[in-house]
């Protein structure tokens, strides 16, 4: 089966190469870590304690595991942690968060030889996948090594299920072999069941993103960011995070000339497009200080938290087009009144909870300008939104601890040989 899957991957890669290869060359991603993508991690010392591999695809998933990494590595669990990511930005973010304390590696492509090489090098006792990333060759290779694989912060959308159904015979054994799934909500847990995860291995623990939203009224480095970019702290500032093409023009028109605007695009390949849509902007990567137009472009990775801490109002990107929203919890936790657009499918539960608690404003493209003007003119309303939102945030925290307890049980079962599944069952 592994060889057949490899052949399918190869055929698909060749057929689609005119698309992905051109895109990688155009965006500069062709200079990625190819050795890591084929399972070459470099030397990793043998584990001295139970070792957990925590995998997040990109920046969002890596950010979500910050507290989980700390919980698993601290007493009483005291596991060795290796963090992996798929994308270049995810690896960069993981290194900025964990380098020096925990090893960061590239997650391999799902060719059988690559995942076998990767697992021989990493030697995990347990593999924890964040949100999804259930690849058949990887799960099968881990099972052959007697290494249980689980999913935390599990999220499986209806559109993903529709696509997976087409590949049912290849994917269902991988889902059926998961040691457990800790899903964000009942709907996601049910969809994991549709893909083959038995009921007794499905748990609903909530989303860890509530836990990573650290409530704070000051963030180290925020004032330095403002000073180095030339942001005027006496004038209103709207910070738009994780923005996508088409939103920058919208935001420029919505804030007016007297309000400062800082945009932080979600992906590096969108930086130049954003700059073109924001004439006269000061670009962080260029070292620009000051902008006559009051427009600022945060075209770096890892500084959005500092920017949010400066905001009077934060606008959540990827929510005014045909994408599916971005994390609105962090800017709220840092004291910004938060505005999101209508496209929030990936954060529907979060938005519903915040709207019910009057901790968030949702609007559309047509009404964004008026919404921002009203909020900027009403400090008391902004203060109330933040206060209400933080109440909701605190009430929903705890998923990280619940997930850590499930992983701890799995580690115990693995090391005592009492696990529910044998390698052949998986």
Protein backbone atom coordinates (compact mmCIF):
# COMPACT_ATOMS: atom_id res chain seq x y z
CA UNK A 1 0.00 0.00 0.00
CA UNK A 2 2.83 2.43 0.84
CA UNK A 3 4.39 1.89 -2.59
CA UNK A 4 1.04 2.47 -4.29
CA UNK A 5 0.53 5.71 -2.36
CA UNK A 6 4.06 6.81 -3.34
CA UNK A 7 3.22 6.23 -7.01
CA UNK A 8 0.00 8.23 -6.66
CA UNK A 9 1.89 11.09 -5.00
CA UNK A 10 4.48 11.05 -7.78
CA UNK A 11 1.86 11.08 -10.54
CA UNK A 12 -0.03 13.95 -8.89
CA UNK A 13 3.22 15.89 -8.36
CA UNK A 14 4.19 15.54 -12.02
CA UNK A 15 0.74 16.47 -13.35
CA UNK A 16 0.44 19.53 -11.10
CA UNK A 17 4.08 20.63 -11.37
CA UNK A 18 3.34 23.45 -13.86
CA UNK A 19 1.24 25.02 -11.10
CA UNK A 20 3.17 24.43 -7.89
CA UNK A 21 6.65 24.67 -9.40
CA UNK A 22 5.95 28.02 -11.06
CA UNK A 23 4.36 29.31 -7.87
CA UNK A 24 7.34 28.21 -5.77
CA UNK A 25 9.78 29.89 -8.15
CA UNK A 26 7.72 33.09 -8.29
CA UNK A 27 7.38 33.36 -4.49
CA UNK A 28 10.94 32.26 -3.71
CA UNK A 29 9.76 29.12 -1.91
CA UNK A 30 11.85 27.01 -4.27
CA UNK A 31 14.73 27.79 -1.88
CA UNK A 32 13.03 25.82 0.88
CA UNK A 33 14.65 23.16 3.07
CA UNK A 34 14.42 20.30 0.58
CA UNK A 35 16.58 17.97 2.68
CA UNK A 36 14.17 18.36 5.59
CA UNK A 37 11.17 17.81 3.34
CA UNK A 38 12.64 14.44 2.40
CA UNK A 39 13.19 13.37 6.00
CA UNK A 40 16.77 14.48 6.66
CA UNK A 41 16.74 16.10 10.10
CA UNK A 42 20.43 16.07 10.93
CA UNK A 43 21.69 14.19 14.01
CA UNK A 44 19.27 14.06 16.95
CA UNK A 45 20.53 12.61 20.26
CA UNK A 46 18.81 9.52 21.62
CA UNK A 47 15.93 10.36 23.97
CA UNK A 48 16.69 10.46 27.68
CA UNK A 49 13.03 10.74 28.69
CA UNK A 50 9.75 9.93 26.94
CA UNK A 51 9.80 11.92 23.70
CA UNK A 52 6.81 13.65 22.10
CA UNK A 53 6.78 14.94 18.54
CA UNK A 54 4.37 17.89 18.27
CA UNK A 55 3.50 18.84 14.70
CA UNK A 56 1.84 22.03 13.50
CA UNK A 57 1.51 22.84 9.81
CA UNK A 58 2.18 26.56 9.84
CA UNK A 59 2.24 29.68 12.01
CA UNK A 60 -1.29 29.35 13.40
CA UNK A 61 -0.85 25.76 14.55
CA UNK A 62 2.62 26.44 15.94
CA UNK A 63 1.29 29.38 17.94
CA UNK A 64 -1.50 27.16 19.28
CA UNK A 65 0.92 24.68 20.88
CA UNK A 66 2.95 27.17 22.92
CA UNK A 67 1.24 26.33 26.21
CA UNK A 68 1.02 22.62 25.38
CA UNK A 69 4.79 22.44 24.87
CA UNK A 70 5.37 24.04 28.27
CA UNK A 71 2.84 21.78 29.99
CA UNK A 72 4.23 18.56 28.53
CA UNK A 73 7.85 19.44 29.25
CA UNK A 74 7.20 20.50 32.86
CA UNK A 75 6.53 18.23 35.87
CA UNK A 76 4.81 15.88 36.30
CA UNK A 77 5.00 14.77 32.64
CA UNK A 78 8.55 16.01 31.86
CA UNK A 79 8.61 14.78 28.29
CA UNK A 80 11.26 15.64 25.75
CA UNK A 81 9.63 17.75 23.05
CA UNK A 82 10.49 17.96 19.38
CA UNK A 83 8.43 20.43 17.35
CA UNK A 84 7.90 20.05 13.61
CA UNK A 85 6.26 22.30 11.02
CA UNK A 86 5.53 21.99 7.32
CA UNK A 87 5.82 25.52 5.92
CA UNK A 88 8.84 27.82 5.91
CA UNK A 89 6.96 30.40 7.97
CA UNK A 90 5.86 27.71 10.40
CA UNK A 91 9.43 26.52 10.89
CA UNK A 92 10.63 30.10 11.34
CA UNK A 93 7.96 30.75 13.96
CA UNK A 94 8.72 27.50 15.78
CA UNK A 95 12.40 28.37 15.96
CA UNK A 96 11.64 31.83 17.31
CA UNK A 97 9.46 30.28 20.04
CA UNK A 98 11.35 27.12 20.95
CA UNK A 99 14.94 27.18 19.66
CA UNK A 100 17.45 26.65 22.44
CA UNK A 101 14.90 24.77 24.56
CA UNK A 102 13.30 22.28 22.18
CA UNK A 103 14.46 20.84 18.87
CA UNK A 104 12.65 22.15 15.76
CA UNK A 105 12.58 20.04 12.60
CA UNK A 106 10.88 20.08 9.21
CA UNK A 107 7.93 17.72 8.80
CA UNK A 108 8.57 15.47 5.78
CA UNK A 109 6.60 14.97 2.61
CA UNK A 110 4.47 11.83 2.89
CA UNK A 111 6.65 9.61 0.71
CA UNK A 112 7.25 6.33 2.52
CA UNK A 113 11.06 6.55 2.38
CA UNK A 114 10.99 10.12 3.72
CA UNK A 115 8.75 9.41 6.69
CA UNK A 116 10.68 6.24 7.60
CA UNK A 117 13.93 8.20 7.55
CA UNK A 118 12.36 10.99 9.59
CA UNK A 119 10.92 8.69 12.26
CA UNK A 120 14.18 6.73 12.59
CA UNK A 121 15.95 10.00 13.32
CA UNK A 122 13.37 11.58 15.66
CA UNK A 123 12.42 8.36 17.54
CA UNK A 124 9.25 9.68 19.19
CA UNK A 125 7.28 7.74 21.79
CA UNK A 126 4.11 9.61 20.80
CA UNK A 127 3.25 11.78 17.80
CA UNK A 128 0.79 14.64 18.35
CA UNK A 129 -0.72 16.22 15.22
CA UNK A 130 -2.31 19.65 15.62
CA UNK A 131 -5.74 20.12 14.01
CA UNK A 132 -5.41 17.46 11.27
CA UNK A 133 -2.42 16.40 9.09
CA UNK A 134 -3.36 12.72 9.03
CA UNK A 135 -1.12 11.44 6.22
CA UNK A 136 -1.39 7.71 5.40
CA UNK A 137 2.28 6.81 4.96
CA UNK A 138 3.29 8.71 8.09
CA UNK A 139 0.62 7.12 10.28
CA UNK A 140 1.43 3.65 8.91
CA UNK A 141 5.18 4.09 9.43
CA UNK A 142 4.65 5.32 13.00
CA UNK A 143 2.45 2.31 13.74
CA UNK A 144 5.14 -0.06 12.50
CA UNK A 145 7.52 1.53 14.98
CA UNK A 146 4.96 1.06 17.76
CA UNK A 147 4.47 4.82 18.04
CA UNK A 148 0.88 5.96 18.68
CA UNK A 149 -0.39 8.98 16.74
CA UNK A 150 -3.08 11.31 18.04
CA UNK A 151 -4.73 14.60 17.01
CA UNK A 152 -5.26 17.56 19.36
CA UNK A 153 -7.16 20.76 18.66
CA UNK A 154 -8.83 18.60 16.03
CA UNK A 155 -10.61 20.45 13.26
CA UNK A 156 -12.19 18.74 10.28
CA UNK A 157 -14.38 20.95 8.12
CA UNK A 158 -17.20 19.77 5.89
CA UNK A 159 -15.28 20.81 2.78
CA UNK A 160 -12.31 18.69 3.93
CA UNK A 161 -14.55 15.68 4.53
CA UNK A 162 -16.00 15.99 1.02
CA UNK A 163 -12.51 15.81 -0.43
CA UNK A 164 -11.41 12.96 1.83
CA UNK A 165 -14.42 10.85 0.90
CA UNK A 166 -12.98 10.60 -2.60
CA UNK A 167 -9.87 9.00 -1.12
CA UNK A 168 -11.71 6.90 1.45
CA UNK A 169 -9.96 3.53 0.93
CA UNK A 170 -6.53 5.14 1.33
CA UNK A 171 -7.38 7.44 4.25
CA UNK A 172 -9.85 5.59 6.45
CA UNK A 173 -7.25 3.15 7.88
CA UNK A 174 -5.14 6.15 8.92
CA UNK A 175 -8.04 7.79 10.77
CA UNK A 176 -9.13 4.47 12.25
CA UNK A 177 -5.60 3.95 13.56
CA UNK A 178 -5.42 7.19 15.55
CA UNK A 179 -4.95 6.59 19.26
CA UNK A 180 -7.37 9.43 20.00
CA UNK A 181 -8.74 12.67 18.61
CA UNK A 182 -9.28 15.68 20.88
CA UNK A 183 -11.61 17.80 18.76
CA UNK A 184 -12.48 21.47 19.16
CA UNK A 185 -16.24 20.88 19.08
CA UNK A 186 -18.94 18.25 18.59
CA UNK A 187 -19.28 18.87 14.85
CA UNK A 188 -15.57 18.29 14.24
CA UNK A 189 -15.64 15.17 16.44
CA UNK A 190 -18.56 13.78 14.45
CA UNK A 191 -16.70 14.32 11.17
CA UNK A 192 -13.66 12.49 12.52
CA UNK A 193 -16.09 9.65 13.24
CA UNK A 194 -17.30 9.75 9.64
CA UNK A 195 -13.69 9.27 8.56
CA UNK A 196 -13.31 6.16 10.73
CA UNK A 197 -12.20 7.25 14.22
CA UNK A 198 -14.09 5.01 16.71
CA UNK A 199 -16.42 6.73 19.15
CA UNK A 200 -14.40 5.70 22.21
CA UNK A 201 -11.34 7.49 20.82
CA UNK A 202 -13.13 10.78 20.11
CA UNK A 203 -13.02 13.54 22.71
CA UNK A 204 -14.23 17.15 22.68
CA UNK A 205 -11.77 19.31 24.59
CA UNK A 206 -12.22 22.77 23.03
CA UNK A 207 -9.68 24.89 21.19
CA UNK A 208 -6.23 25.61 22.58
CA UNK A 209 -6.21 29.02 20.92
CA UNK A 210 -8.19 30.38 23.86
CA UNK A 211 -5.29 29.32 26.09
CA UNK A 212 -2.57 30.92 23.98
CA UNK A 213 -4.33 34.30 24.15
CA UNK A 214 -2.32 35.69 27.06
CA UNK A 215 -4.17 38.60 28.67
CA UNK A 216 -1.78 41.53 29.04
CA UNK A 217 -1.90 45.31 28.99
CA UNK A 218 1.74 45.61 27.94
CA UNK A 219 3.92 43.59 25.59
CA UNK A 220 7.70 43.82 25.62
CA UNK A 221 8.98 45.34 22.40
CA UNK A 222 5.78 47.12 21.41
CA UNK A 223 7.01 50.63 22.14
CA UNK A 224 10.29 49.87 20.40
CA UNK A 225 8.33 48.71 17.35
CA UNK A 226 6.33 51.94 17.33
CA UNK A 227 9.45 54.07 17.64
CA UNK A 228 11.44 52.24 14.99
CA UNK A 229 8.57 52.39 12.47
CA UNK A 230 7.69 55.98 13.29
CA UNK A 231 4.15 55.31 14.52
CA UNK A 232 2.69 58.40 16.18
CA UNK A 233 1.38 57.30 19.58
CA UNK A 234 -0.80 60.43 19.87
CA UNK A 235 -2.91 59.45 16.84
CA UNK A 236 -5.43 56.59 16.49
CA UNK A 237 -4.00 53.34 15.14
CA UNK A 238 -5.86 50.50 13.44
CA UNK A 239 -3.86 47.26 13.23
CA UNK A 240 -5.05 44.71 10.67
CA UNK A 241 -3.52 41.28 11.25
CA UNK A 242 -3.28 38.24 8.95
CA UNK A 243 -4.58 40.24 5.99
CA UNK A 244 -5.06 38.85 2.49
CA UNK A 245 -4.96 40.37 -1.02
CA UNK A 246 -7.98 42.58 -1.62
CA UNK A 247 -8.25 43.58 2.02
CA UNK A 248 -5.47 46.16 2.02
CA UNK A 249 -7.24 48.43 -0.46
CA UNK A 250 -10.43 48.01 1.56
CA UNK A 251 -8.70 49.00 4.79
CA UNK A 252 -6.94 52.01 3.29
CA UNK A 253 -10.31 53.33 2.14
CA UNK A 254 -12.01 52.48 5.44
CA UNK A 255 -9.73 54.22 7.92
CA UNK A 256 -9.59 57.69 6.34
CA UNK A 257 -6.61 60.01 6.25
CA UNK A 258 -6.47 60.99 9.93
CA UNK A 259 -6.16 57.44 11.24
CA UNK A 260 -2.95 55.43 11.10
CA UNK A 261 -3.13 51.94 9.60
CA UNK A 262 -0.71 49.05 10.10
CA UNK A 263 -1.24 45.89 8.03
CA UNK A 264 0.44 42.55 8.68
CA UNK A 265 -0.23 40.19 5.73
CA UNK A 266 -0.71 36.54 6.54
CA UNK A 267 1.82 35.25 3.98
CA UNK A 268 5.19 36.59 2.83
CA UNK A 269 4.20 36.26 -0.83
CA UNK A 270 1.52 38.88 -0.16
CA UNK A 271 3.91 41.52 1.19
CA UNK A 272 4.63 43.26 -2.12
CA UNK A 273 0.96 43.28 -3.10
CA UNK A 274 0.12 44.89 0.21
CA UNK A 275 2.81 47.54 -0.24
CA UNK A 276 1.43 48.43 -3.67
CA UNK A 277 -2.04 48.81 -2.17
CA UNK A 278 -0.72 51.11 0.56
CA UNK A 279 1.08 53.99 -1.22
CA UNK A 280 3.66 55.71 0.93
CA UNK A 281 3.70 52.97 3.56
CA UNK A 282 6.67 52.42 5.84
CA UNK A 283 7.90 48.86 5.42
CA UNK A 284 9.32 47.14 8.47
CA UNK A 285 11.61 44.92 6.40
CA UNK A 286 13.13 47.99 4.72
CA UNK A 287 13.84 49.74 8.00
CA UNK A 288 11.55 52.66 7.06
CA UNK A 289 10.79 55.08 9.88
CA UNK A 290 7.74 57.29 9.50
CA UNK A 291 5.07 57.53 6.84
CA UNK A 292 3.55 60.72 5.45
CA UNK A 293 0.39 58.78 4.62
CA UNK A 294 0.15 57.14 8.04
CA UNK A 295 0.38 53.67 6.49
CA UNK A 296 2.67 50.97 7.87
CA UNK A 297 3.44 47.47 6.57
CA UNK A 298 4.62 44.83 9.03
CA UNK A 299 6.26 42.54 6.47
CA UNK A 300 8.07 40.39 9.03
CA UNK A 301 7.23 37.23 10.96
CA UNK A 302 6.77 37.14 14.73
CA UNK A 303 6.03 40.80 15.53
CA UNK A 304 2.25 40.91 15.20
CA UNK A 305 1.78 40.52 18.95
CA UNK A 306 3.76 43.71 19.55
CA UNK A 307 1.71 45.50 16.90
CA UNK A 308 -1.60 44.39 18.39
CA UNK A 309 -0.53 45.80 21.74
CA UNK A 310 -0.33 49.26 20.10
CA UNK A 311 -3.78 49.12 18.48
CA UNK A 312 -6.83 51.13 19.38
CA UNK A 313 -8.83 48.85 17.07
CA UNK A 314 -7.72 45.53 15.56
CA UNK A 315 -9.22 44.23 12.32
CA UNK A 316 -8.98 40.49 11.74
CA UNK A 317 -7.80 39.69 8.22
CA UNK A 318 -8.88 36.94 5.83
CA UNK A 319 -12.46 37.63 6.90
CA UNK A 320 -13.60 40.07 4.18
CA UNK A 321 -13.08 37.81 1.17
CA UNK A 322 -13.46 34.14 0.31
CA UNK A 323 -11.05 32.76 2.90
CA UNK A 324 -12.25 31.67 6.31
CA UNK A 325 -11.01 34.05 8.98
CA UNK A 326 -8.08 34.33 11.35
CA UNK A 327 -7.45 34.32 15.09
CA UNK A 328 -9.21 37.18 16.87
CA UNK A 329 -8.37 36.07 20.40
CA UNK A 330 -4.83 37.45 20.63
CA UNK A 331 -5.64 41.12 19.83
CA UNK A 332 -8.57 40.98 22.23
CA UNK A 333 -6.37 39.59 25.00
CA UNK A 334 -3.92 42.43 24.39
CA UNK A 335 -6.53 45.13 24.87
CA UNK A 336 -7.66 46.04 21.35
CA UNK A 337 -11.31 46.35 20.37
CA UNK A 338 -11.68 43.69 17.66
CA UNK A 339 -13.55 43.90 14.36
CA UNK A 340 -13.98 40.94 12.03
CA UNK A 341 -15.63 40.46 8.67
CA UNK A 342 -18.34 37.97 7.71
CA UNK A 343 -16.04 35.17 6.42
CA UNK A 344 -15.15 33.37 9.65
CA UNK A 345 -15.95 29.73 8.92
CA UNK A 346 -12.73 28.46 10.53
CA UNK A 347 -13.50 30.41 13.72
CA UNK A 348 -17.29 30.11 13.83
CA UNK A 349 -17.49 28.86 17.42
CA UNK A 350 -15.13 31.56 18.67
CA UNK A 351 -16.99 34.34 16.89
CA UNK A 352 -20.34 33.08 18.15
CA UNK A 353 -19.09 33.00 21.74
CA UNK A 354 -17.61 36.49 21.54
CA UNK A 355 -20.67 37.96 19.85
CA UNK A 356 -22.92 36.39 22.50
CA UNK A 357 -20.76 38.00 25.18
CA UNK A 358 -20.58 41.39 23.38
CA UNK A 359 -16.81 41.10 23.05
CA UNK A 360 -16.50 41.48 19.29
CA UNK A 361 -17.90 43.55 16.41
CA UNK A 362 -18.72 41.82 13.14
CA UNK A 363 -19.34 43.84 10.00
CA UNK A 364 -19.03 43.63 6.22
CA UNK A 365 -17.09 45.47 3.53
CA UNK A 366 -19.82 48.03 2.95
CA UNK A 367 -20.08 49.03 6.63
CA UNK A 368 -16.44 48.70 7.68
CA UNK A 369 -15.66 52.43 7.38
CA UNK A 370 -18.63 53.42 9.53
CA UNK A 371 -17.89 50.70 12.09
CA UNK A 372 -14.28 51.83 12.51
CA UNK A 373 -15.27 55.50 12.75
CA UNK A 374 -17.79 54.77 15.49
CA UNK A 375 -15.33 52.71 17.53
CA UNK A 376 -12.49 55.20 17.20
CA UNK A 377 -14.79 58.00 18.35
CA UNK A 378 -16.01 56.06 21.41
CA UNK A 379 -13.24 55.00 23.88
CA UNK A 380 -15.82 53.74 26.37
CA UNK A 381 -17.30 51.35 23.82
CA UNK A 382 -13.82 50.05 22.99
CA UNK A 383 -13.07 49.53 26.67
CA UNK A 384 -16.33 47.64 27.19
CA UNK A 385 -15.68 45.36 24.21
CA UNK A 386 -12.27 44.43 25.58
CA UNK A 387 -13.60 43.84 29.08
CA UNK A 388 -16.47 41.68 27.83
CA UNK A 389 -14.24 39.75 25.45
CA UNK A 390 -11.74 38.93 28.16
CA UNK A 391 -14.54 37.51 30.32
CA UNK A 392 -15.49 35.18 27.45
CA UNK A 393 -11.85 34.29 26.85
CA UNK A 394 -11.25 33.26 30.47
CA UNK A 395 -14.43 31.19 30.50
CA UNK A 396 -13.29 29.11 27.52
CA UNK A 397 -9.72 28.37 28.57
CA UNK A 398 -8.54 24.92 29.66
CA UNK A 399 -8.27 22.88 26.45
CA UNK A 400 -4.47 22.71 26.68
CA UNK A 401 -4.57 21.04 30.08
CA UNK A 402 -7.23 18.58 28.96
CA UNK A 403 -5.18 17.66 25.90
CA UNK A 404 -2.01 17.30 27.96
CA UNK A 405 -3.76 14.84 30.27
CA UNK A 406 -4.82 12.68 27.31
CA UNK A 407 -1.25 12.71 25.94
CA UNK A 408 0.14 11.81 29.38
CA UNK A 409 -2.13 8.76 29.51
CA UNK A 410 -0.94 7.75 26.04
CA UNK A 411 2.70 8.07 27.14
CA UNK A 412 2.01 5.91 30.18
CA UNK A 413 0.28 3.26 28.09
CA UNK A 414 3.11 3.30 25.57
CA UNK A 415 5.83 2.91 28.19
CA UNK A 416 3.99 0.24 30.18
CA UNK A 417 2.77 -1.67 27.13
CA UNK A 418 -0.89 -1.27 28.12
CA UNK A 419 -2.04 0.77 25.12
CA UNK A 420 -5.36 -0.03 23.48
CA UNK A 421 -3.80 -0.59 20.07
CA UNK A 422 -0.97 -2.80 18.99
CA UNK A 423 1.16 -1.85 15.95
CA UNK A 424 -0.71 -4.41 13.85
CA UNK A 425 -4.09 -2.94 14.89
CA UNK A 426 -2.97 0.42 13.67
